[in-house]
Amino acid sequence: MAGAKLDPIDRHILAELQADGRMTNVELAKRVGISAPPCLRRVRTLEEQGYIRGYHAEIDSRELGFEVQVFAMVRLNSQAESDLTAFEERCRSWPLVRECHMLNGEIDFILKCVAPDLSSFQSFLTGDLLKAPNVANVKTSLVIRGSKDEPGVPFEVLEERIARQA
């Protein structure tokens, strides 16, 4: 289990930064119970090891005029690795696609898309997504409202699992 390789202080650092990535190193050190210099060294090590991939602001898309959120379920004609990779690369180039996940089962990919309005999404759907090579069909679901959008991982579950194994 990868998370178990980290000591409790490293996991505490990650949990605190996940909750508030803007806190100062001094505040972070205080929260995890160590002094600032070793805290900074630990954070840099966690970044270098890939546990921390970046820092982001949580943006309210609706406040910026992106009123439409859609999940698009995409089935491809071919699931050859080269075709899957080509589709993933294409998804990275589409600004309206904010997340792309490969799935098993009847659907090959699920895309989370945002758009300013329904007609903008419809233009993307008919002009880009449906015309993309290897796309067999697309089913879409418009988000009515979100009930939970929690970033990151549930550290409390990881800690419980580690405690059970100890």
C-alpha atoms as a PDB file:
ATOM      1  CA  MET A   1       0.000   0.000   0.000  1.00  0.00           C
ATOM      2  CA  ALA A   2       1.682   3.199  -1.208  1.00  0.00           C
ATOM      3  CA  GLY A   3       0.196   5.504   1.457  1.00  0.00           C
ATOM      4  CA  ALA A   4       1.649   3.331   4.213  1.00  0.00           C
ATOM      5  CA  LYS A   5       5.188   4.158   3.012  1.00  0.00           C
ATOM      6  CA  LEU A   6       4.679   7.668   4.315  1.00  0.00           C
ATOM      7  CA  ASP A   7       5.008   8.355   8.002  1.00  0.00           C
ATOM      8  CA  PRO A   8       2.153   9.948   9.975  1.00  0.00           C
ATOM      9  CA  ILE A   9       3.689  13.432   9.707  1.00  0.00           C
ATOM     10  CA  ASP A  10       3.923  13.211   5.899  1.00  0.00           C
ATOM     11  CA  ARG A  11       0.303  12.036   5.706  1.00  0.00           C
ATOM     12  CA  HIS A  12      -0.729  14.871   8.033  1.00  0.00           C
ATOM     13  CA  ILE A  13       1.118  17.370   5.807  1.00  0.00           C
ATOM     14  CA  LEU A  14      -0.694  16.027   2.741  1.00  0.00           C
ATOM     15  CA  ALA A  15      -4.081  16.161   4.473  1.00  0.00           C
ATOM     16  CA  GLU A  16      -3.530  19.754   5.605  1.00  0.00           C
ATOM     17  CA  LEU A  17      -2.316  20.910   2.181  1.00  0.00           C
ATOM     18  CA  GLN A  18      -5.224  19.137   0.509  1.00  0.00           C
ATOM     19  CA  ALA A  19      -7.613  21.104   2.723  1.00  0.00           C
ATOM     20  CA  ASP A  20      -5.780  24.423   2.255  1.00  0.00           C
ATOM     21  CA  GLY A  21      -2.930  24.614  -0.223  1.00  0.00           C
ATOM     22  CA  ARG A  22      -2.392  28.324   0.422  1.00  0.00           C
ATOM     23  CA  MET A  23      -1.330  28.147   4.053  1.00  0.00           C
ATOM     24  CA  THR A  24       2.184  29.289   4.853  1.00  0.00           C
ATOM     25  CA  ASN A  25       4.885  26.805   5.704  1.00  0.00           C
ATOM     26  CA  VAL A  26       4.938  28.228   9.248  1.00  0.00           C
ATOM     27  CA  GLU A  27       1.202  27.556   9.665  1.00  0.00           C
ATOM     28  CA  LEU A  28       1.553  24.087   8.147  1.00  0.00           C
ATOM     29  CA  ALA A  29       4.441  23.250  10.478  1.00  0.00           C
ATOM     30  CA  LYS A  30       2.384  24.413  13.459  1.00  0.00           C
ATOM     31  CA  ARG A  31      -0.583  22.265  12.438  1.00  0.00           C
ATOM     32  CA  VAL A  32       1.502  19.105  12.003  1.00  0.00           C
ATOM     33  CA  GLY A  33       3.626  19.696  15.122  1.00  0.00           C
ATOM     34  CA  ILE A  34       7.109  20.187  13.682  1.00  0.00           C
ATOM     35  CA  SER A  35       9.316  23.236  13.080  1.00  0.00           C
ATOM     36  CA  ALA A  36       9.242  25.116   9.771  1.00  0.00           C
ATOM     37  CA  PRO A  37      12.582  24.026   8.187  1.00  0.00           C
ATOM     38  CA  PRO A  38      11.948  20.252   8.350  1.00  0.00           C
ATOM     39  CA  CYS A  39       8.350  20.858   7.296  1.00  0.00           C
ATOM     40  CA  LEU A  40       9.529  22.658   4.162  1.00  0.00           C
ATOM     41  CA  ARG A  41      12.008  19.858   3.427  1.00  0.00           C
ATOM     42  CA  ARG A  42       9.238  17.285   3.779  1.00  0.00           C
ATOM     43  CA  VAL A  43       6.915  19.243   1.473  1.00  0.00           C
ATOM     44  CA  ARG A  44       9.638  19.523  -1.173  1.00  0.00           C
ATOM     45  CA  THR A  45      10.351  15.784  -0.885  1.00  0.00           C
ATOM     46  CA  LEU A  46       6.619  14.998  -1.239  1.00  0.00           C
ATOM     47  CA  GLU A  47       6.554  17.180  -4.368  1.00  0.00           C
ATOM     48  CA  GLU A  48       9.670  15.514  -5.827  1.00  0.00           C
ATOM     49  CA  GLN A  49       8.261  12.040  -5.136  1.00  0.00           C
ATOM     50  CA  GLY A  50       5.036  12.918  -6.955  1.00  0.00           C
ATOM     51  CA  TYR A  51       2.682  12.796  -3.962  1.00  0.00           C
ATOM     52  CA  ILE A  52       1.962  16.503  -4.535  1.00  0.00           C
ATOM     53  CA  ARG A  53       1.377  17.139  -8.231  1.00  0.00           C
ATOM     54  CA  GLY A  54       0.417  20.797  -8.016  1.00  0.00           C
ATOM     55  CA  TYR A  55      -1.541  23.513  -6.265  1.00  0.00           C
ATOM     56  CA  HIS A  56      -4.834  24.803  -7.612  1.00  0.00           C
ATOM     57  CA  ALA A  57      -7.520  27.307  -6.778  1.00  0.00           C
ATOM     58  CA  GLU A  58     -11.066  25.974  -6.560  1.00  0.00           C
ATOM     59  CA  ILE A  59     -12.947  28.094  -9.091  1.00  0.00           C
ATOM     60  CA  ASP A  60     -16.719  28.563  -9.106  1.00  0.00           C
ATOM     61  CA  SER A  61     -17.449  27.844 -12.764  1.00  0.00           C
ATOM     62  CA  ARG A  62     -20.995  29.230 -12.589  1.00  0.00           C
ATOM     63  CA  GLU A  63     -19.732  32.557 -11.217  1.00  0.00           C
ATOM     64  CA  LEU A  64     -17.561  32.807 -14.338  1.00  0.00           C
ATOM     65  CA  GLY A  65     -20.498  32.095 -16.635  1.00  0.00           C
ATOM     66  CA  PHE A  66     -20.032  28.372 -17.227  1.00  0.00           C
ATOM     67  CA  GLU A  67     -23.650  27.447 -16.551  1.00  0.00           C
ATOM     68  CA  VAL A  68     -23.642  23.995 -18.117  1.00  0.00           C
ATOM     69  CA  GLN A  69     -21.944  20.871 -16.813  1.00  0.00           C
ATOM     70  CA  VAL A  70     -22.353  17.634 -18.754  1.00  0.00           C
ATOM     71  CA  PHE A  71     -21.093  14.088 -18.405  1.00  0.00           C
ATOM     72  CA  ALA A  72     -20.516  12.474 -21.796  1.00  0.00           C
ATOM     73  CA  MET A  73     -20.275   8.692 -21.980  1.00  0.00           C
ATOM     74  CA  VAL A  74     -18.253   7.731 -25.046  1.00  0.00           C
ATOM     75  CA  ARG A  75     -18.074   4.350 -26.740  1.00  0.00           C
ATOM     76  CA  LEU A  76     -15.351   3.780 -29.300  1.00  0.00           C
ATOM     77  CA  ASN A  77     -15.344   1.487 -32.326  1.00  0.00           C
ATOM     78  CA  SER A  78     -11.923   0.105 -31.447  1.00  0.00           C
ATOM     79  CA  GLN A  79     -10.279  -0.421 -28.079  1.00  0.00           C
ATOM     80  CA  ALA A  80      -6.800  -1.020 -29.472  1.00  0.00           C
ATOM     81  CA  GLU A  81      -4.270   0.717 -27.251  1.00  0.00           C
ATOM     82  CA  SER A  82      -3.242   3.112 -30.035  1.00  0.00           C
ATOM     83  CA  ASP A  83      -6.899   4.137 -30.537  1.00  0.00           C
ATOM     84  CA  LEU A  84      -7.453   4.623 -26.801  1.00  0.00           C
ATOM     85  CA  THR A  85      -4.317   6.756 -26.547  1.00  0.00           C
ATOM     86  CA  ALA A  86      -5.309   8.806 -29.598  1.00  0.00           C
ATOM     87  CA  PHE A  87      -8.705   9.537 -28.051  1.00  0.00           C
ATOM     88  CA  GLU A  88      -7.127  10.538 -24.732  1.00  0.00           C
ATOM     89  CA  GLU A  89      -4.759  12.907 -26.533  1.00  0.00           C
ATOM     90  CA  ARG A  90      -7.676  14.425 -28.433  1.00  0.00           C
ATOM     91  CA  CYS A  91      -9.560  14.961 -25.154  1.00  0.00           C
ATOM     92  CA  ARG A  92      -6.591  16.904 -23.754  1.00  0.00           C
ATOM     93  CA  SER A  93      -6.904  19.340 -26.655  1.00  0.00           C
ATOM     94  CA  TRP A  94     -10.609  20.118 -26.086  1.00  0.00           C
ATOM     95  CA  PRO A  95     -10.997  23.004 -23.618  1.00  0.00           C
ATOM     96  CA  LEU A  96     -14.560  22.083 -22.638  1.00  0.00           C
ATOM     97  CA  VAL A  97     -13.406  18.623 -21.477  1.00  0.00           C
ATOM     98  CA  ARG A  98     -12.214  19.082 -17.903  1.00  0.00           C
ATOM     99  CA  GLU A  99     -11.859  15.405 -16.964  1.00  0.00           C
ATOM    100  CA  CYS A 100     -11.449  12.243 -19.016  1.00  0.00           C
ATOM    101  CA  HIS A 101     -11.578   8.784 -17.465  1.00  0.00           C
ATOM    102  CA  MET A 102     -11.241   5.416 -19.208  1.00  0.00           C
ATOM    103  CA  LEU A 103     -13.754   2.883 -17.892  1.00  0.00           C
ATOM    104  CA  ASN A 104     -14.353  -0.818 -18.247  1.00  0.00           C
ATOM    105  CA  GLY A 105     -17.704  -2.131 -19.396  1.00  0.00           C
ATOM    106  CA  GLU A 106     -20.028  -0.807 -22.083  1.00  0.00           C
ATOM    107  CA  ILE A 107     -18.633   2.727 -21.947  1.00  0.00           C
ATOM    108  CA  ASP A 108     -15.004   3.355 -22.857  1.00  0.00           C
ATOM    109  CA  PHE A 109     -14.668   6.903 -21.513  1.00  0.00           C
ATOM    110  CA  ILE A 110     -16.585   9.334 -19.370  1.00  0.00           C
ATOM    111  CA  LEU A 111     -15.891  13.016 -19.922  1.00  0.00           C
ATOM    112  CA  LYS A 112     -16.773  15.838 -17.569  1.00  0.00           C
ATOM    113  CA  CYS A 113     -17.444  18.928 -19.653  1.00  0.00           C
ATOM    114  CA  VAL A 114     -18.271  22.529 -18.799  1.00  0.00           C
ATOM    115  CA  ALA A 115     -19.676  25.131 -21.169  1.00  0.00           C
ATOM    116  CA  PRO A 116     -21.077  28.645 -20.932  1.00  0.00           C
ATOM    117  CA  ASP A 117     -24.450  27.498 -22.285  1.00  0.00           C
ATOM    118  CA  LEU A 118     -26.206  24.552 -23.843  1.00  0.00           C
ATOM    119  CA  SER A 119     -25.642  25.716 -27.410  1.00  0.00           C
ATOM    120  CA  SER A 120     -21.870  25.917 -26.810  1.00  0.00           C
ATOM    121  CA  PHE A 121     -21.854  22.360 -25.543  1.00  0.00           C
ATOM    122  CA  GLN A 122     -24.056  21.230 -28.443  1.00  0.00           C
ATOM    123  CA  SER A 123     -21.580  22.795 -30.892  1.00  0.00           C
ATOM    124  CA  PHE A 124     -18.720  20.915 -29.248  1.00  0.00           C
ATOM    125  CA  LEU A 125     -20.718  17.687 -29.222  1.00  0.00           C
ATOM    126  CA  THR A 126     -21.710  17.793 -32.876  1.00  0.00           C
ATOM    127  CA  GLY A 127     -18.638  19.566 -34.231  1.00  0.00           C
ATOM    128  CA  ASP A 128     -15.837  17.837 -32.333  1.00  0.00           C
ATOM    129  CA  LEU A 129     -16.790  14.891 -30.187  1.00  0.00           C
ATOM    130  CA  LEU A 130     -19.183  13.035 -32.467  1.00  0.00           C
ATOM    131  CA  LYS A 131     -16.935  13.636 -35.483  1.00  0.00           C
ATOM    132  CA  ALA A 132     -13.768  12.436 -33.755  1.00  0.00           C
ATOM    133  CA  PRO A 133     -12.182   9.361 -35.325  1.00  0.00           C
ATOM    134  CA  ASN A 134     -13.182   6.035 -33.758  1.00  0.00           C
ATOM    135  CA  VAL A 135     -16.170   7.423 -31.798  1.00  0.00           C
ATOM    136  CA  ALA A 136     -19.068   4.976 -32.116  1.00  0.00           C
ATOM    137  CA  ASN A 137     -21.597   6.854 -29.990  1.00  0.00           C
ATOM    138  CA  VAL A 138     -21.960   9.370 -27.202  1.00  0.00           C
ATOM    139  CA  LYS A 139     -24.609   9.573 -24.509  1.00  0.00           C
ATOM    140  CA  THR A 140     -24.827  12.743 -22.460  1.00  0.00           C
ATOM    141  CA  SER A 141     -26.308  13.658 -19.112  1.00  0.00           C
ATOM    142  CA  LEU A 142     -26.765  17.271 -18.087  1.00  0.00           C
ATOM    143  CA  VAL A 143     -25.925  17.953 -14.440  1.00  0.00           C
ATOM    144  CA  ILE A 144     -28.936  19.431 -12.648  1.00  0.00           C
ATOM    145  CA  ARG A 145     -27.057  20.087  -9.413  1.00  0.00           C
ATOM    146  CA  GLY A 146     -24.011  18.786  -7.621  1.00  0.00           C
ATOM    147  CA  SER A 147     -24.353  17.277  -4.171  1.00  0.00           C
ATOM    148  CA  LYS A 148     -20.691  16.679  -3.450  1.00  0.00           C
ATOM    149  CA  ASP A 149     -17.462  17.705  -5.145  1.00  0.00           C
ATOM    150  CA  GLU A 150     -14.679  16.778  -2.759  1.00  0.00           C
ATOM    151  CA  PRO A 151     -11.136  17.031  -4.136  1.00  0.00           C
ATOM    152  CA  GLY A 152      -8.299  14.709  -3.226  1.00  0.00           C
ATOM    153  CA  VAL A 153      -8.435  11.564  -1.141  1.00  0.00           C
ATOM    154  CA  PRO A 154     -10.128  10.664   2.175  1.00  0.00           C
ATOM    155  CA  PHE A 155      -7.121  10.607   4.515  1.00  0.00           C
ATOM    156  CA  GLU A 156      -9.260   9.413   7.418  1.00  0.00           C
ATOM    157  CA  VAL A 157      -9.942   6.155   5.543  1.00  0.00           C
ATOM    158  CA  LEU A 158      -6.223   5.693   4.880  1.00  0.00           C
ATOM    159  CA  GLU A 159      -5.385   6.279   8.540  1.00  0.00           C
ATOM    160  CA  GLU A 160      -8.048   3.752   9.660  1.00  0.00           C
ATOM    161  CA  ARG A 161      -6.677   1.154   7.242  1.00  0.00           C
ATOM    162  CA  ILE A 162      -3.103   1.699   8.421  1.00  0.00           C
ATOM    163  CA  ALA A 163      -4.205   1.461  12.063  1.00  0.00           C
ATOM    164  CA  ARG A 164      -5.987  -1.856  11.377  1.00  0.00           C
ATOM    165  CA  GLN A 165      -2.848  -3.291   9.770  1.00  0.00           C
ATOM    166  CA  ALA A 166      -0.591  -2.237  12.670  1.00  0.00           C
END
